[in-house]
């Protein structure tokens, strides 16, 4: 059984016991989080497609930890002007583990 769910503006294919990284969520480590924007549910070949979401479907996940991603360097330069600017950025992520898919 799997589902396509929208989490923090992005769509993910989730299955039971699957771990994934999503954008930072407002939840403490160890908390349980519910996601109601389920776009598709496949239950052993029986596919339910939402318009836009599947009614009554819900995905429950557990927050494992909050982590930072790899550093991304942003370099700006204008040739022959002596202008150079280097910025770094590290995106914050939340690692979650899918516990249950209801649909």
PDB file of N, CA and C in Angstrom:
ATOM      1  N   UNK A   1       0.849  -1.182   0.000  1.00  0.00           N
ATOM      2  CA  UNK A   1       0.000   0.000   0.000  1.00  0.00           C
ATOM      3  C   UNK A   1       0.885   1.232   0.000  1.00  0.00           C
ATOM      4  N   UNK A   2       0.571   2.168  -0.870  1.00  0.00           N
ATOM      5  CA  UNK A   2       1.298   3.426  -0.889  1.00  0.00           C
ATOM      6  C   UNK A   2       0.329   4.567  -1.163  1.00  0.00           C
ATOM      7  N   UNK A   3       0.811   5.786  -0.955  1.00  0.00           N
ATOM      8  CA  UNK A   3      -0.014   6.972  -1.168  1.00  0.00           C
ATOM      9  C   UNK A   3       0.868   8.101  -1.670  1.00  0.00           C
ATOM     10  N   UNK A   4       0.250   9.014  -2.396  1.00  0.00           N
ATOM     11  CA  UNK A   4       0.901  10.253  -2.793  1.00  0.00           C
ATOM     12  C   UNK A   4       0.312  11.336  -1.900  1.00  0.00           C
ATOM     13  N   UNK A   5       1.180  11.994  -1.124  1.00  0.00           N
ATOM     14  CA  UNK A   5       0.712  12.969  -0.139  1.00  0.00           C
ATOM     15  C   UNK A   5       1.487  14.274  -0.313  1.00  0.00           C
ATOM     16  N   UNK A   6       0.811  15.379  -0.047  1.00  0.00           N
ATOM     17  CA  UNK A   6       1.446  16.692  -0.120  1.00  0.00           C
ATOM     18  C   UNK A   6       1.860  17.118   1.285  1.00  0.00           C
ATOM     19  N   UNK A   7       3.184  17.332   1.435  1.00  0.00           N
ATOM     20  CA  UNK A   7       3.738  17.723   2.731  1.00  0.00           C
ATOM     21  C   UNK A   7       4.549  18.991   2.522  1.00  0.00           C
ATOM     22  N   UNK A   8       4.161  20.069   3.167  1.00  0.00           N
ATOM     23  CA  UNK A   8       4.886  21.347   3.122  1.00  0.00           C
ATOM     24  C   UNK A   8       5.096  21.822   1.683  1.00  0.00           C
ATOM     25  N   UNK A   9       4.074  21.661   0.843  1.00  0.00           N
ATOM     26  CA  UNK A   9       4.136  22.175  -0.522  1.00  0.00           C
ATOM     27  C   UNK A   9       4.792  21.250  -1.523  1.00  0.00           C
ATOM     28  N   UNK A  10       5.249  20.072  -1.110  1.00  0.00           N
ATOM     29  CA  UNK A  10       5.866  19.118  -2.021  1.00  0.00           C
ATOM     30  C   UNK A  10       5.105  17.799  -1.962  1.00  0.00           C
ATOM     31  N   UNK A  11       5.135  17.049  -3.065  1.00  0.00           N
ATOM     32  CA  UNK A  11       4.446  15.770  -3.138  1.00  0.00           C
ATOM     33  C   UNK A  11       5.449  14.631  -2.946  1.00  0.00           C
ATOM     34  N   UNK A  12       5.054  13.655  -2.123  1.00  0.00           N
ATOM     35  CA  UNK A  12       5.906  12.520  -1.823  1.00  0.00           C
ATOM     36  C   UNK A  12       5.114  11.231  -1.988  1.00  0.00           C
ATOM     37  N   UNK A  13       5.796  10.182  -2.466  1.00  0.00           N
ATOM     38  CA  UNK A  13       5.227   8.841  -2.475  1.00  0.00           C
ATOM     39  C   UNK A  13       5.646   8.190  -1.170  1.00  0.00           C
ATOM     40  N   UNK A  14       4.672   7.798  -0.352  1.00  0.00           N
ATOM     41  CA  UNK A  14       4.968   7.254   0.967  1.00  0.00           C
ATOM     42  C   UNK A  14       4.434   5.836   1.086  1.00  0.00           C
ATOM     43  N   UNK A  15       5.147   5.034   1.851  1.00  0.00           N
ATOM     44  CA  UNK A  15       4.753   3.670   2.185  1.00  0.00           C
ATOM     45  C   UNK A  15       4.941   3.494   3.685  1.00  0.00           C
ATOM     46  N   UNK A  16       4.364   2.445   4.239  1.00  0.00           N
ATOM     47  CA  UNK A  16       4.524   2.182   5.671  1.00  0.00           C
ATOM     48  C   UNK A  16       5.990   1.931   6.006  1.00  0.00           C
ATOM     49  N   UNK A  17       6.424   2.466   7.153  1.00  0.00           N
ATOM     50  CA  UNK A  17       7.790   2.326   7.683  1.00  0.00           C
ATOM     51  C   UNK A  17       8.853   3.002   6.822  1.00  0.00           C
ATOM     52  N   UNK A  18       8.467   3.840   5.873  1.00  0.00           N
ATOM     53  CA  UNK A  18       9.440   4.537   5.028  1.00  0.00           C
ATOM     54  C   UNK A  18       9.899   5.814   5.729  1.00  0.00           C
ATOM     55  N   UNK A  19      11.212   6.107   5.642  1.00  0.00           N
ATOM     56  CA  UNK A  19      11.766   7.324   6.218  1.00  0.00           C
ATOM     57  C   UNK A  19      12.048   8.305   5.089  1.00  0.00           C
ATOM     58  N   UNK A  20      11.726   9.583   5.320  1.00  0.00           N
ATOM     59  CA  UNK A  20      12.028  10.604   4.316  1.00  0.00           C
ATOM     60  C   UNK A  20      12.262  11.949   4.961  1.00  0.00           C
ATOM     61  N   UNK A  21      12.939  12.805   4.187  1.00  0.00           N
ATOM     62  CA  UNK A  21      13.261  14.155   4.645  1.00  0.00           C
ATOM     63  C   UNK A  21      12.304  15.126   3.977  1.00  0.00           C
ATOM     64  N   UNK A  22      11.663  15.987   4.784  1.00  0.00           N
ATOM     65  CA  UNK A  22      10.753  17.018   4.283  1.00  0.00           C
ATOM     66  C   UNK A  22      11.237  18.363   4.822  1.00  0.00           C
ATOM     67  N   UNK A  23      10.687  19.441   4.281  1.00  0.00           N
ATOM     68  CA  UNK A  23      11.037  20.754   4.800  1.00  0.00           C
ATOM     69  C   UNK A  23      10.642  20.844   6.268  1.00  0.00           C
ATOM     70  N   UNK A  24      11.269  21.731   6.987  1.00  0.00           N
ATOM     71  CA  UNK A  24      11.128  21.835   8.437  1.00  0.00           C
ATOM     72  C   UNK A  24       9.660  21.947   8.853  1.00  0.00           C
ATOM     73  N   UNK A  25       9.257  21.080   9.780  1.00  0.00           N
ATOM     74  CA  UNK A  25       7.887  21.068  10.304  1.00  0.00           C
ATOM     75  C   UNK A  25       7.885  21.622  11.721  1.00  0.00           C
ATOM     76  N   UNK A  26       6.753  22.214  12.127  1.00  0.00           N
ATOM     77  CA  UNK A  26       6.599  22.730  13.483  1.00  0.00           C
ATOM     78  C   UNK A  26       6.138  21.598  14.402  1.00  0.00           C
ATOM     79  N   UNK A  27       7.043  20.714  14.732  1.00  0.00           N
ATOM     80  CA  UNK A  27       6.737  19.602  15.628  1.00  0.00           C
ATOM     81  C   UNK A  27       8.023  19.207  16.342  1.00  0.00           C
ATOM     82  N   UNK A  28       7.881  18.730  17.558  1.00  0.00           N
ATOM     83  CA  UNK A  28       9.038  18.298  18.329  1.00  0.00           C
ATOM     84  C   UNK A  28       9.428  16.879  17.934  1.00  0.00           C
ATOM     85  N   UNK A  29      10.658  16.514  18.251  1.00  0.00           N
ATOM     86  CA  UNK A  29      11.122  15.164  17.965  1.00  0.00           C
ATOM     87  C   UNK A  29      10.320  14.166  18.797  1.00  0.00           C
ATOM     88  N   UNK A  30       9.850  13.121  18.146  1.00  0.00           N
ATOM     89  CA  UNK A  30       9.042  12.114  18.821  1.00  0.00           C
ATOM     90  C   UNK A  30       7.550  12.335  18.690  1.00  0.00           C
ATOM     91  N   UNK A  31       7.127  13.509  18.199  1.00  0.00           N
ATOM     92  CA  UNK A  31       5.706  13.791  18.027  1.00  0.00           C
ATOM     93  C   UNK A  31       5.141  13.021  16.838  1.00  0.00           C
ATOM     94  N   UNK A  32       3.828  12.846  16.852  1.00  0.00           N
ATOM     95  CA  UNK A  32       3.127  12.228  15.737  1.00  0.00           C
ATOM     96  C   UNK A  32       2.431  13.329  14.942  1.00  0.00           C
ATOM     97  N   UNK A  33       2.528  13.259  13.617  1.00  0.00           N
ATOM     98  CA  UNK A  33       1.982  14.291  12.744  1.00  0.00           C
ATOM     99  C   UNK A  33       1.029  13.645  11.745  1.00  0.00           C
ATOM    100  N   UNK A  34      -0.120  14.293  11.494  1.00  0.00           N
ATOM    101  CA  UNK A  34      -1.089  13.799  10.515  1.00  0.00           C
ATOM    102  C   UNK A  34      -1.059  14.681   9.278  1.00  0.00           C
ATOM    103  N   UNK A  35      -1.161  14.050   8.104  1.00  0.00           N
ATOM    104  CA  UNK A  35      -1.228  14.765   6.836  1.00  0.00           C
ATOM    105  C   UNK A  35      -2.545  14.396   6.156  1.00  0.00           C
ATOM    106  N   UNK A  36      -3.372  15.430   5.866  1.00  0.00           N
ATOM    107  CA  UNK A  36      -4.693  15.197   5.297  1.00  0.00           C
ATOM    108  C   UNK A  36      -4.746  15.384   3.791  1.00  0.00           C
ATOM    109  N   UNK A  37      -3.742  16.019   3.205  1.00  0.00           N
ATOM    110  CA  UNK A  37      -3.749  16.261   1.760  1.00  0.00           C
ATOM    111  C   UNK A  37      -3.217  15.035   1.018  1.00  0.00           C
ATOM    112  N   UNK A  38      -4.032  13.998   0.962  1.00  0.00           N
ATOM    113  CA  UNK A  38      -3.671  12.761   0.279  1.00  0.00           C
ATOM    114  C   UNK A  38      -4.250  12.826  -1.128  1.00  0.00           C
ATOM    115  N   UNK A  39      -3.402  12.765  -2.133  1.00  0.00           N
ATOM    116  CA  UNK A  39      -3.825  12.932  -3.520  1.00  0.00           C
ATOM    117  C   UNK A  39      -4.176  11.613  -4.193  1.00  0.00           C
ATOM    118  N   UNK A  40      -3.548  10.502  -3.761  1.00  0.00           N
ATOM    119  CA  UNK A  40      -3.781   9.196  -4.374  1.00  0.00           C
ATOM    120  C   UNK A  40      -3.483   8.118  -3.349  1.00  0.00           C
ATOM    121  N   UNK A  41      -4.296   7.068  -3.362  1.00  0.00           N
ATOM    122  CA  UNK A  41      -4.070   5.924  -2.490  1.00  0.00           C
ATOM    123  C   UNK A  41      -4.170   4.662  -3.336  1.00  0.00           C
ATOM    124  N   UNK A  42      -3.153   3.793  -3.246  1.00  0.00           N
ATOM    125  CA  UNK A  42      -3.157   2.507  -3.935  1.00  0.00           C
ATOM    126  C   UNK A  42      -3.137   1.420  -2.872  1.00  0.00           C
ATOM    127  N   UNK A  43      -4.230   0.660  -2.791  1.00  0.00           N
ATOM    128  CA  UNK A  43      -4.352  -0.406  -1.803  1.00  0.00           C
ATOM    129  C   UNK A  43      -4.415  -1.739  -2.548  1.00  0.00           C
ATOM    130  N   UNK A  44      -3.250  -2.327  -2.834  1.00  0.00           N
ATOM    131  CA  UNK A  44      -3.137  -3.614  -3.525  1.00  0.00           C
ATOM    132  C   UNK A  44      -3.892  -3.622  -4.855  1.00  0.00           C
ATOM    133  N   UNK A  45      -3.666  -2.613  -5.668  1.00  0.00           N
ATOM    134  CA  UNK A  45      -4.283  -2.545  -6.991  1.00  0.00           C
ATOM    135  C   UNK A  45      -5.549  -1.718  -7.056  1.00  0.00           C
ATOM    136  N   UNK A  46      -6.171  -1.446  -5.937  1.00  0.00           N
ATOM    137  CA  UNK A  46      -7.359  -0.585  -5.907  1.00  0.00           C
ATOM    138  C   UNK A  46      -6.881   0.852  -5.738  1.00  0.00           C
ATOM    139  N   UNK A  47      -6.996   1.629  -6.806  1.00  0.00           N
ATOM    140  CA  UNK A  47      -6.466   2.988  -6.809  1.00  0.00           C
ATOM    141  C   UNK A  47      -7.606   3.971  -6.595  1.00  0.00           C
ATOM    142  N   UNK A  48      -7.424   4.875  -5.631  1.00  0.00           N
ATOM    143  CA  UNK A  48      -8.379   5.958  -5.383  1.00  0.00           C
ATOM    144  C   UNK A  48      -7.669   7.277  -5.658  1.00  0.00           C
ATOM    145  N   UNK A  49      -8.166   7.996  -6.659  1.00  0.00           N
ATOM    146  CA  UNK A  49      -7.578   9.272  -7.044  1.00  0.00           C
ATOM    147  C   UNK A  49      -8.490  10.381  -6.550  1.00  0.00           C
ATOM    148  N   UNK A  50      -7.920  11.368  -5.884  1.00  0.00           N
ATOM    149  CA  UNK A  50      -8.712  12.460  -5.327  1.00  0.00           C
ATOM    150  C   UNK A  50      -8.954  13.567  -6.319  1.00  0.00           C
ATOM    151  N   UNK A  51      -9.979  14.348  -6.053  1.00  0.00           N
ATOM    152  CA  UNK A  51     -10.301  15.515  -6.879  1.00  0.00           C
ATOM    153  C   UNK A  51     -10.511  16.732  -5.987  1.00  0.00           C
ATOM    154  N   UNK A  52      -9.557  17.402  -5.470  1.00  0.00           N
ATOM    155  CA  UNK A  52      -8.118  17.184  -5.565  1.00  0.00           C
ATOM    156  C   UNK A  52      -7.563  16.228  -4.516  1.00  0.00           C
ATOM    157  N   UNK A  53      -8.301  15.976  -3.418  1.00  0.00           N
ATOM    158  CA  UNK A  53      -7.792  15.059  -2.398  1.00  0.00           C
ATOM    159  C   UNK A  53      -8.770  13.912  -2.200  1.00  0.00           C
ATOM    160  N   UNK A  54      -8.278  12.810  -1.656  1.00  0.00           N
ATOM    161  CA  UNK A  54      -9.112  11.652  -1.355  1.00  0.00           C
ATOM    162  C   UNK A  54      -9.815  11.907  -0.036  1.00  0.00           C
ATOM    163  N   UNK A  55     -11.128  11.789  -0.033  1.00  0.00           N
ATOM    164  CA  UNK A  55     -11.905  12.060   1.177  1.00  0.00           C
ATOM    165  C   UNK A  55     -11.701  10.939   2.197  1.00  0.00           C
ATOM    166  N   UNK A  56     -11.439  11.312   3.428  1.00  0.00           N
ATOM    167  CA  UNK A  56     -11.268  10.352   4.508  1.00  0.00           C
ATOM    168  C   UNK A  56      -9.887   9.726   4.588  1.00  0.00           C
ATOM    169  N   UNK A  57      -9.016  10.076   3.680  1.00  0.00           N
ATOM    170  CA  UNK A  57      -7.666   9.507   3.693  1.00  0.00           C
ATOM    171  C   UNK A  57      -6.756  10.345   4.585  1.00  0.00           C
ATOM    172  N   UNK A  58      -5.844   9.655   5.256  1.00  0.00           N
ATOM    173  CA  UNK A  58      -4.950  10.338   6.181  1.00  0.00           C
ATOM    174  C   UNK A  58      -3.659   9.542   6.294  1.00  0.00           C
ATOM    175  N   UNK A  59      -2.546  10.253   6.421  1.00  0.00           N
ATOM    176  CA  UNK A  59      -1.247   9.624   6.611  1.00  0.00           C
ATOM    177  C   UNK A  59      -0.695  10.096   7.953  1.00  0.00           C
ATOM    178  N   UNK A  60      -0.271   9.156   8.784  1.00  0.00           N
ATOM    179  CA  UNK A  60       0.291   9.469  10.095  1.00  0.00           C
ATOM    180  C   UNK A  60       1.787   9.180  10.069  1.00  0.00           C
ATOM    181  N   UNK A  61       2.566  10.132  10.583  1.00  0.00           N
ATOM    182  CA  UNK A  61       4.017   9.979  10.600  1.00  0.00           C
ATOM    183  C   UNK A  61       4.567  10.390  11.958  1.00  0.00           C
ATOM    184  N   UNK A  62       5.762   9.897  12.251  1.00  0.00           N
ATOM    185  CA  UNK A  62       6.446  10.229  13.497  1.00  0.00           C
ATOM    186  C   UNK A  62       7.688  11.043  13.159  1.00  0.00           C
ATOM    187  N   UNK A  63       7.894  12.148  13.882  1.00  0.00           N
ATOM    188  CA  UNK A  63       9.062  13.000  13.664  1.00  0.00           C
ATOM    189  C   UNK A  63      10.263  12.354  14.350  1.00  0.00           C
ATOM    190  N   UNK A  64      11.305  12.060  13.564  1.00  0.00           N
ATOM    191  CA  UNK A  64      12.496  11.426  14.115  1.00  0.00           C
ATOM    192  C   UNK A  64      13.520  12.448  14.570  1.00  0.00           C
ATOM    193  N   UNK A  65      13.854  13.422  13.689  1.00  0.00           N
ATOM    194  CA  UNK A  65      14.840  14.438  14.061  1.00  0.00           C
ATOM    195  C   UNK A  65      14.781  15.609  13.099  1.00  0.00           C
ATOM    196  N   UNK A  66      15.389  16.716  13.534  1.00  0.00           N
ATOM    197  CA  UNK A  66      15.556  17.905  12.702  1.00  0.00           C
ATOM    198  C   UNK A  66      17.032  18.002  12.331  1.00  0.00           C
ATOM    199  N   UNK A  67      17.318  18.140  11.043  1.00  0.00           N
ATOM    200  CA  UNK A  67      18.694  18.167  10.575  1.00  0.00           C
ATOM    201  C   UNK A  67      18.880  19.307   9.575  1.00  0.00           C
ATOM    202  N   UNK A  68      20.149  19.628   9.300  1.00  0.00           N
ATOM    203  CA  UNK A  68      20.487  20.605   8.279  1.00  0.00           C
ATOM    204  C   UNK A  68      21.033  19.871   7.063  1.00  0.00           C
ATOM    205  N   UNK A  69      20.706  20.364   5.884  1.00  0.00           N
ATOM    206  CA  UNK A  69      21.198  19.760   4.653  1.00  0.00           C
ATOM    207  C   UNK A  69      22.609  20.207   4.344  1.00  0.00           C
ATOM    208  N   UNK A  70      23.107  19.793   3.190  1.00  0.00           N
ATOM    209  CA  UNK A  70      24.437  20.178   2.750  1.00  0.00           C
ATOM    210  C   UNK A  70      24.470  21.664   2.416  1.00  0.00           C
ATOM    211  N   UNK A  71      25.654  22.254   2.548  1.00  0.00           N
ATOM    212  CA  UNK A  71      25.797  23.671   2.259  1.00  0.00           C
ATOM    213  C   UNK A  71      25.752  23.905   0.749  1.00  0.00           C
ATOM    214  N   UNK A  72      24.974  24.910   0.354  1.00  0.00           N
ATOM    215  CA  UNK A  72      24.884  25.324  -1.043  1.00  0.00           C
ATOM    216  C   UNK A  72      25.549  26.689  -1.140  1.00  0.00           C
ATOM    217  N   UNK A  73      26.548  26.810  -2.013  1.00  0.00           N
ATOM    218  CA  UNK A  73      27.250  28.075  -2.187  1.00  0.00           C
ATOM    219  C   UNK A  73      26.616  28.870  -3.326  1.00  0.00           C
ATOM    220  N   UNK A  74      26.351  30.156  -3.057  1.00  0.00           N
ATOM    221  CA  UNK A  74      25.790  31.062  -4.050  1.00  0.00           C
ATOM    222  C   UNK A  74      26.862  32.108  -4.342  1.00  0.00           C
ATOM    223  N   UNK A  75      27.373  32.116  -5.564  1.00  0.00           N
ATOM    224  CA  UNK A  75      28.451  33.016  -5.950  1.00  0.00           C
ATOM    225  C   UNK A  75      27.954  33.969  -7.023  1.00  0.00           C
ATOM    226  N   UNK A  76      28.083  35.272  -6.763  1.00  0.00           N
ATOM    227  CA  UNK A  76      27.670  36.297  -7.717  1.00  0.00           C
ATOM    228  C   UNK A  76      28.896  37.081  -8.161  1.00  0.00           C
ATOM    229  N   UNK A  77      28.949  37.398  -9.451  1.00  0.00           N
ATOM    230  CA  UNK A  77      30.096  38.120  -9.973  1.00  0.00           C
ATOM    231  C   UNK A  77      29.666  38.943 -11.174  1.00  0.00           C
ATOM    232  N   UNK A  78      30.222  40.140 -11.266  1.00  0.00           N
ATOM    233  CA  UNK A  78      30.041  40.966 -12.465  1.00  0.00           C
ATOM    234  C   UNK A  78      31.416  41.171 -13.078  1.00  0.00           C
ATOM    235  N   UNK A  79      31.575  40.749 -14.274  1.00  0.00           N
ATOM    236  CA  UNK A  79      32.902  40.773 -14.879  1.00  0.00           C
ATOM    237  C   UNK A  79      33.370  42.210 -15.124  1.00  0.00           C
ATOM    238  N   UNK A  80      34.652  42.379 -14.948  1.00  0.00           N
ATOM    239  CA  UNK A  80      35.364  43.651 -15.154  1.00  0.00           C
ATOM    240  C   UNK A  80      34.895  44.770 -14.220  1.00  0.00           C
ATOM    241  N   UNK A  81      34.162  44.468 -13.183  1.00  0.00           N
ATOM    242  CA  UNK A  81      33.688  45.500 -12.246  1.00  0.00           C
ATOM    243  C   UNK A  81      34.283  45.327 -10.853  1.00  0.00           C
ATOM    244  N   UNK A  82      34.939  44.218 -10.619  1.00  0.00           N
ATOM    245  CA  UNK A  82      35.520  43.980  -9.304  1.00  0.00           C
ATOM    246  C   UNK A  82      34.499  43.566  -8.266  1.00  0.00           C
ATOM    247  N   UNK A  83      33.307  43.138  -8.710  1.00  0.00           N
ATOM    248  CA  UNK A  83      32.234  42.753  -7.790  1.00  0.00           C
ATOM    249  C   UNK A  83      32.182  41.236  -7.675  1.00  0.00           C
ATOM    250  N   UNK A  84      32.405  40.739  -6.453  1.00  0.00           N
ATOM    251  CA  UNK A  84      32.273  39.321  -6.157  1.00  0.00           C
ATOM    252  C   UNK A  84      31.571  39.182  -4.814  1.00  0.00           C
ATOM    253  N   UNK A  85      30.642  38.250  -4.734  1.00  0.00           N
ATOM    254  CA  UNK A  85      29.905  38.019  -3.501  1.00  0.00           C
ATOM    255  C   UNK A  85      29.693  36.514  -3.339  1.00  0.00           C
ATOM    256  N   UNK A  86      30.050  35.977  -2.187  1.00  0.00           N
ATOM    257  CA  UNK A  86      29.897  34.554  -1.910  1.00  0.00           C
ATOM    258  C   UNK A  86      29.008  34.387  -0.686  1.00  0.00           C
ATOM    259  N   UNK A  87      27.911  33.687  -0.847  1.00  0.00           N
ATOM    260  CA  UNK A  87      26.998  33.388   0.248  1.00  0.00           C
ATOM    261  C   UNK A  87      26.837  31.883   0.367  1.00  0.00           C
ATOM    262  N   UNK A  88      26.607  31.419   1.573  1.00  0.00           N
ATOM    263  CA  UNK A  88      26.334  30.012   1.811  1.00  0.00           C
ATOM    264  C   UNK A  88      24.964  29.853   2.451  1.00  0.00           C
ATOM    265  N   UNK A  89      24.347  28.685   2.220  1.00  0.00           N
ATOM    266  CA  UNK A  89      23.015  28.438   2.759  1.00  0.00           C
ATOM    267  C   UNK A  89      22.875  26.958   3.089  1.00  0.00           C
ATOM    268  N   UNK A  90      22.291  26.651   4.248  1.00  0.00           N
ATOM    269  CA  UNK A  90      21.996  25.268   4.624  1.00  0.00           C
ATOM    270  C   UNK A  90      20.509  25.169   4.934  1.00  0.00           C
ATOM    271  N   UNK A  91      19.803  24.378   4.135  1.00  0.00           N
ATOM    272  CA  UNK A  91      18.363  24.189   4.315  1.00  0.00           C
ATOM    273  C   UNK A  91      18.109  23.289   5.519  1.00  0.00           C
ATOM    274  N   UNK A  92      17.060  23.588   6.268  1.00  0.00           N
ATOM    275  CA  UNK A  92      16.701  22.764   7.417  1.00  0.00           C
ATOM    276  C   UNK A  92      15.626  21.766   7.012  1.00  0.00           C
ATOM    277  N   UNK A  93      15.817  20.515   7.419  1.00  0.00           N
ATOM    278  CA  UNK A  93      14.899  19.439   7.087  1.00  0.00           C
ATOM    279  C   UNK A  93      14.420  18.741   8.346  1.00  0.00           C
ATOM    280  N   UNK A  94      13.307  18.020   8.218  1.00  0.00           N
ATOM    281  CA  UNK A  94      12.796  17.172   9.269  1.00  0.00           C
ATOM    282  C   UNK A  94      12.735  15.754   8.732  1.00  0.00           C
ATOM    283  N   UNK A  95      13.295  14.801   9.462  1.00  0.00           N
ATOM    284  CA  UNK A  95      13.210  13.413   9.053  1.00  0.00           C
ATOM    285  C   UNK A  95      11.989  12.798   9.720  1.00  0.00           C
ATOM    286  N   UNK A  96      11.118  12.193   8.911  1.00  0.00           N
ATOM    287  CA  UNK A  96       9.905  11.575   9.431  1.00  0.00           C
ATOM    288  C   UNK A  96       9.883  10.111   8.999  1.00  0.00           C
ATOM    289  N   UNK A  97       9.121   9.315   9.763  1.00  0.00           N
ATOM    290  CA  UNK A  97       8.900   7.913   9.416  1.00  0.00           C
ATOM    291  C   UNK A  97       7.395   7.696   9.350  1.00  0.00           C
ATOM    292  N   UNK A  98       6.939   7.139   8.234  1.00  0.00           N
ATOM    293  CA  UNK A  98       5.511   6.913   8.020  1.00  0.00           C
ATOM    294  C   UNK A  98       5.079   5.754   8.895  1.00  0.00           C
ATOM    295  N   UNK A  99       4.017   5.965   9.674  1.00  0.00           N
ATOM    296  CA  UNK A  99       3.521   4.927  10.560  1.00  0.00           C
ATOM    297  C   UNK A  99       2.273   4.239  10.013  1.00  0.00           C
ATOM    298  N   UNK A 100       1.348   5.018   9.440  1.00  0.00           N
ATOM    299  CA  UNK A 100       0.076   4.446   9.051  1.00  0.00           C
ATOM    300  C   UNK A 100      -0.506   5.217   7.874  1.00  0.00           C
ATOM    301  N   UNK A 101      -1.148   4.493   6.957  1.00  0.00           N
ATOM    302  CA  UNK A 101      -1.868   5.107   5.839  1.00  0.00           C
ATOM    303  C   UNK A 101      -3.311   4.638   5.917  1.00  0.00           C
ATOM    304  N   UNK A 102      -4.233   5.577   6.062  1.00  0.00           N
ATOM    305  CA  UNK A 102      -5.659   5.263   6.123  1.00  0.00           C
ATOM    306  C   UNK A 102      -6.296   5.785   4.860  1.00  0.00           C
ATOM    307  N   UNK A 103      -6.980   4.939   4.142  1.00  0.00           N
ATOM    308  CA  UNK A 103      -7.598   5.406   2.907  1.00  0.00           C
ATOM    309  C   UNK A 103      -8.418   4.335   2.350  1.00  0.00           C
TER     310      UNK A 103
END
